[in-house]
Protein backbone atom coordinates (compact mmCIF):
# COMPACT_ATOMS: atom_id res chain seq x y z
CA MET A 1 -15.47 -7.53 86.29
CA GLU A 2 -17.94 -7.92 89.04
CA VAL A 3 -18.15 -5.56 92.05
CA THR A 4 -20.23 -5.82 95.20
CA SER A 5 -21.63 -2.37 96.50
CA LYS A 6 -24.33 -1.60 98.91
CA GLY A 7 -25.25 -5.56 99.14
CA TYR A 8 -25.66 -5.67 95.34
CA ARG A 9 -23.47 -7.35 92.85
CA ILE A 10 -22.76 -5.29 89.74
CA ASP A 11 -21.36 -6.82 86.69
CA LEU A 12 -19.27 -4.37 84.64
CA ASP A 13 -18.16 -6.75 82.03
CA GLN A 14 -20.85 -5.50 79.59
CA ALA A 15 -20.90 -1.74 80.76
CA VAL A 16 -20.92 0.70 78.17
CA TRP A 17 -18.43 3.40 79.25
CA ARG A 18 -18.69 7.06 78.25
CA LYS A 19 -16.51 9.98 78.41
CA SER A 20 -17.74 13.73 78.25
CA THR A 21 -18.02 15.18 74.88
CA ARG A 22 -15.64 17.80 76.00
CA SER A 23 -12.81 15.09 76.12
CA GLY A 24 -10.71 15.12 73.00
CA PRO A 25 -10.43 11.74 71.04
CA ASN A 26 -6.86 11.12 72.20
CA CYS A 27 -7.51 12.41 75.74
CA ASP A 28 -6.78 9.62 78.49
CA ASN A 29 -6.94 11.74 81.54
CA CYS A 30 -10.59 11.76 82.12
CA VAL A 31 -13.28 9.95 84.04
CA GLU A 32 -15.68 7.50 82.38
CA VAL A 33 -19.34 6.71 83.52
CA ALA A 34 -21.40 3.68 82.80
CA PHE A 35 -25.10 3.17 83.89
CA VAL A 36 -25.64 -0.31 84.79
CA SER A 37 -28.04 -2.49 86.78
CA GLY A 38 -29.71 0.35 88.58
CA ALA A 39 -26.30 1.92 89.59
CA ILE A 40 -23.66 4.20 88.23
CA ALA A 41 -20.08 3.31 87.76
CA VAL A 42 -17.19 5.71 87.52
CA ARG A 43 -13.71 4.80 86.48
CA ASP A 44 -10.39 6.40 85.56
CA SER A 45 -9.87 6.33 81.65
CA LYS A 46 -6.23 5.74 82.23
CA ASN A 47 -6.81 2.54 84.07
CA PRO A 48 -9.88 0.92 82.59
CA THR A 49 -9.28 -2.54 84.15
CA GLY A 50 -8.82 -0.83 87.78
CA PRO A 51 -11.35 -0.14 90.36
CA ALA A 52 -14.61 1.55 89.82
CA LEU A 53 -16.46 3.68 92.16
CA ILE A 54 -20.32 2.66 92.38
CA PHE A 55 -23.03 5.13 92.95
CA THR A 56 -26.86 4.84 93.68
CA PRO A 57 -28.99 6.95 91.18
CA ASP A 58 -29.85 9.27 94.26
CA GLU A 59 -26.02 9.61 94.85
CA TRP A 60 -25.37 10.41 91.25
CA ASP A 61 -28.25 12.86 90.91
CA ALA A 62 -26.92 14.71 94.18
CA PHE A 63 -23.44 14.91 92.63
CA VAL A 64 -24.66 16.02 89.32
CA ASP A 65 -26.75 18.79 90.85
CA GLY A 66 -23.90 19.89 93.02
CA ALA A 67 -21.54 19.94 90.11
CA LYS A 68 -24.23 22.02 88.27
CA ASP A 69 -24.48 24.42 91.18
CA GLY A 70 -20.73 24.90 91.57
CA GLU A 71 -20.62 23.26 94.91
CA PHE A 72 -17.12 21.64 94.04
CA ASP A 73 -15.71 24.68 92.51
CA LEU A 74 -12.48 25.69 94.21
């Protein structure tokens, strides 16, 4: 699958998708992340052929920092 994001074409066919190590081996309600072509792709593990969200490294870093700081806690 090739996606276009922020003016760049990103090929996800060779992406190596990863789930959290906290996900069980039979867990399919997770998000998966792939680091590709200077971007970070995120998809739903229940729908691996569905759409992916694409983030720049700066956007990804901001998200991870926010998660670590509890910014998204309810």
